């Protein structure tokens, strides 16, 4: 009787060890993904702000050069 119940527990009852490892691995991947997301999003925003500032400075320099060259031609 004990031998008859043993296959039922293995097939339908508790998850096997490989399923536990798979679940743990997916949990780790989700954690790593969340960590990367929370780390890279602020860094990406800071990079965008820095590039926008550099773009503004470059635009001001080019405007100043253009005005200087135009005044020299008059």
C-alpha atoms as a PDB file:
ATOM      1  CA  UNK A   1       0.000   0.000   0.000  1.00  0.00           C
ATOM      2  CA  UNK A   2       2.828   2.367   0.741  1.00  0.00           C
ATOM      3  CA  UNK A   3       4.402   1.623  -2.605  1.00  0.00           C
ATOM      4  CA  UNK A   4       1.166   2.515  -4.409  1.00  0.00           C
ATOM      5  CA  UNK A   5       0.977   5.970  -2.802  1.00  0.00           C
ATOM      6  CA  UNK A   6       4.623   6.804  -3.374  1.00  0.00           C
ATOM      7  CA  UNK A   7       4.301   7.445  -7.151  1.00  0.00           C
ATOM      8  CA  UNK A   8       1.281   9.702  -6.539  1.00  0.00           C
ATOM      9  CA  UNK A   9       3.256  11.939  -4.203  1.00  0.00           C
ATOM     10  CA  UNK A  10       6.123  12.207  -6.675  1.00  0.00           C
ATOM     11  CA  UNK A  11       4.000  12.933  -9.739  1.00  0.00           C
ATOM     12  CA  UNK A  12       1.303  15.220  -8.398  1.00  0.00           C
ATOM     13  CA  UNK A  13       2.209  16.322  -4.913  1.00  0.00           C
ATOM     14  CA  UNK A  14       5.209  18.360  -3.897  1.00  0.00           C
ATOM     15  CA  UNK A  15       7.344  20.014  -6.630  1.00  0.00           C
ATOM     16  CA  UNK A  16      10.575  18.300  -7.517  1.00  0.00           C
ATOM     17  CA  UNK A  17      13.969  19.800  -6.767  1.00  0.00           C
ATOM     18  CA  UNK A  18      14.496  20.900 -10.382  1.00  0.00           C
ATOM     19  CA  UNK A  19      11.250  22.882 -10.254  1.00  0.00           C
ATOM     20  CA  UNK A  20      12.419  24.588  -7.068  1.00  0.00           C
ATOM     21  CA  UNK A  21      15.714  25.524  -8.691  1.00  0.00           C
ATOM     22  CA  UNK A  22      13.899  26.842 -11.754  1.00  0.00           C
ATOM     23  CA  UNK A  23      11.647  28.931  -9.525  1.00  0.00           C
ATOM     24  CA  UNK A  24      14.602  30.245  -7.576  1.00  0.00           C
ATOM     25  CA  UNK A  25      16.483  31.071 -10.780  1.00  0.00           C
ATOM     26  CA  UNK A  26      13.533  33.018 -12.167  1.00  0.00           C
ATOM     27  CA  UNK A  27      13.248  34.886  -8.877  1.00  0.00           C
ATOM     28  CA  UNK A  28      16.933  35.790  -9.072  1.00  0.00           C
ATOM     29  CA  UNK A  29      16.536  36.966 -12.671  1.00  0.00           C
ATOM     30  CA  UNK A  30      13.554  39.108 -11.706  1.00  0.00           C
ATOM     31  CA  UNK A  31      15.540  40.623  -8.863  1.00  0.00           C
ATOM     32  CA  UNK A  32      18.516  41.354 -11.098  1.00  0.00           C
ATOM     33  CA  UNK A  33      16.204  42.887 -13.705  1.00  0.00           C
ATOM     34  CA  UNK A  34      14.552  45.108 -11.118  1.00  0.00           C
ATOM     35  CA  UNK A  35      17.937  46.133  -9.730  1.00  0.00           C
ATOM     36  CA  UNK A  36      19.219  47.043 -13.183  1.00  0.00           C
ATOM     37  CA  UNK A  37      16.027  48.914 -13.982  1.00  0.00           C
ATOM     38  CA  UNK A  38      16.093  50.976 -10.798  1.00  0.00           C
ATOM     39  CA  UNK A  39      19.813  51.677 -11.259  1.00  0.00           C
ATOM     40  CA  UNK A  40      19.891  52.455 -14.969  1.00  0.00           C
ATOM     41  CA  UNK A  41      16.742  54.599 -15.167  1.00  0.00           C
ATOM     42  CA  UNK A  42      18.141  57.453 -13.016  1.00  0.00           C
ATOM     43  CA  UNK A  43      21.505  57.166 -14.770  1.00  0.00           C
ATOM     44  CA  UNK A  44      19.772  57.401 -18.131  1.00  0.00           C
ATOM     45  CA  UNK A  45      17.858  60.468 -16.987  1.00  0.00           C
ATOM     46  CA  UNK A  46      21.070  62.091 -15.763  1.00  0.00           C
ATOM     47  CA  UNK A  47      22.728  61.348 -19.115  1.00  0.00           C
ATOM     48  CA  UNK A  48      19.797  62.917 -20.980  1.00  0.00           C
ATOM     49  CA  UNK A  49      20.015  66.029 -18.808  1.00  0.00           C
ATOM     50  CA  UNK A  50      23.770  66.287 -19.344  1.00  0.00           C
ATOM     51  CA  UNK A  51      23.398  65.933 -23.121  1.00  0.00           C
ATOM     52  CA  UNK A  52      20.645  68.542 -23.215  1.00  0.00           C
ATOM     53  CA  UNK A  53      22.825  70.946 -21.242  1.00  0.00           C
ATOM     54  CA  UNK A  54      25.772  70.329 -23.573  1.00  0.00           C
ATOM     55  CA  UNK A  55      23.470  70.903 -26.532  1.00  0.00           C
ATOM     56  CA  UNK A  56      22.317  74.229 -25.077  1.00  0.00           C
ATOM     57  CA  UNK A  57      25.899  75.357 -24.457  1.00  0.00           C
ATOM     58  CA  UNK A  58      26.948  74.356 -27.970  1.00  0.00           C
ATOM     59  CA  UNK A  59      23.975  76.230 -29.418  1.00  0.00           C
ATOM     60  CA  UNK A  60      24.914  79.369 -27.473  1.00  0.00           C
ATOM     61  CA  UNK A  61      28.537  79.123 -28.660  1.00  0.00           C
ATOM     62  CA  UNK A  62      27.440  78.727 -32.280  1.00  0.00           C
ATOM     63  CA  UNK A  63      25.023  81.650 -31.973  1.00  0.00           C
ATOM     64  CA  UNK A  64      27.801  83.810 -30.538  1.00  0.00           C
ATOM     65  CA  UNK A  65      30.200  82.839 -33.320  1.00  0.00           C
ATOM     66  CA  UNK A  66      27.564  83.509 -35.948  1.00  0.00           C
ATOM     67  CA  UNK A  67      26.864  86.978 -34.540  1.00  0.00           C
ATOM     68  CA  UNK A  68      30.573  87.750 -34.315  1.00  0.00           C
ATOM     69  CA  UNK A  69      31.172  86.713 -37.925  1.00  0.00           C
ATOM     70  CA  UNK A  70      28.164  88.658 -39.145  1.00  0.00           C
ATOM     71  CA  UNK A  71      29.351  91.834 -37.355  1.00  0.00           C
ATOM     72  CA  UNK A  72      32.815  91.454 -38.879  1.00  0.00           C
ATOM     73  CA  UNK A  73      31.363  91.344 -42.396  1.00  0.00           C
ATOM     74  CA  UNK A  74      29.446  94.611 -42.031  1.00  0.00           C
END
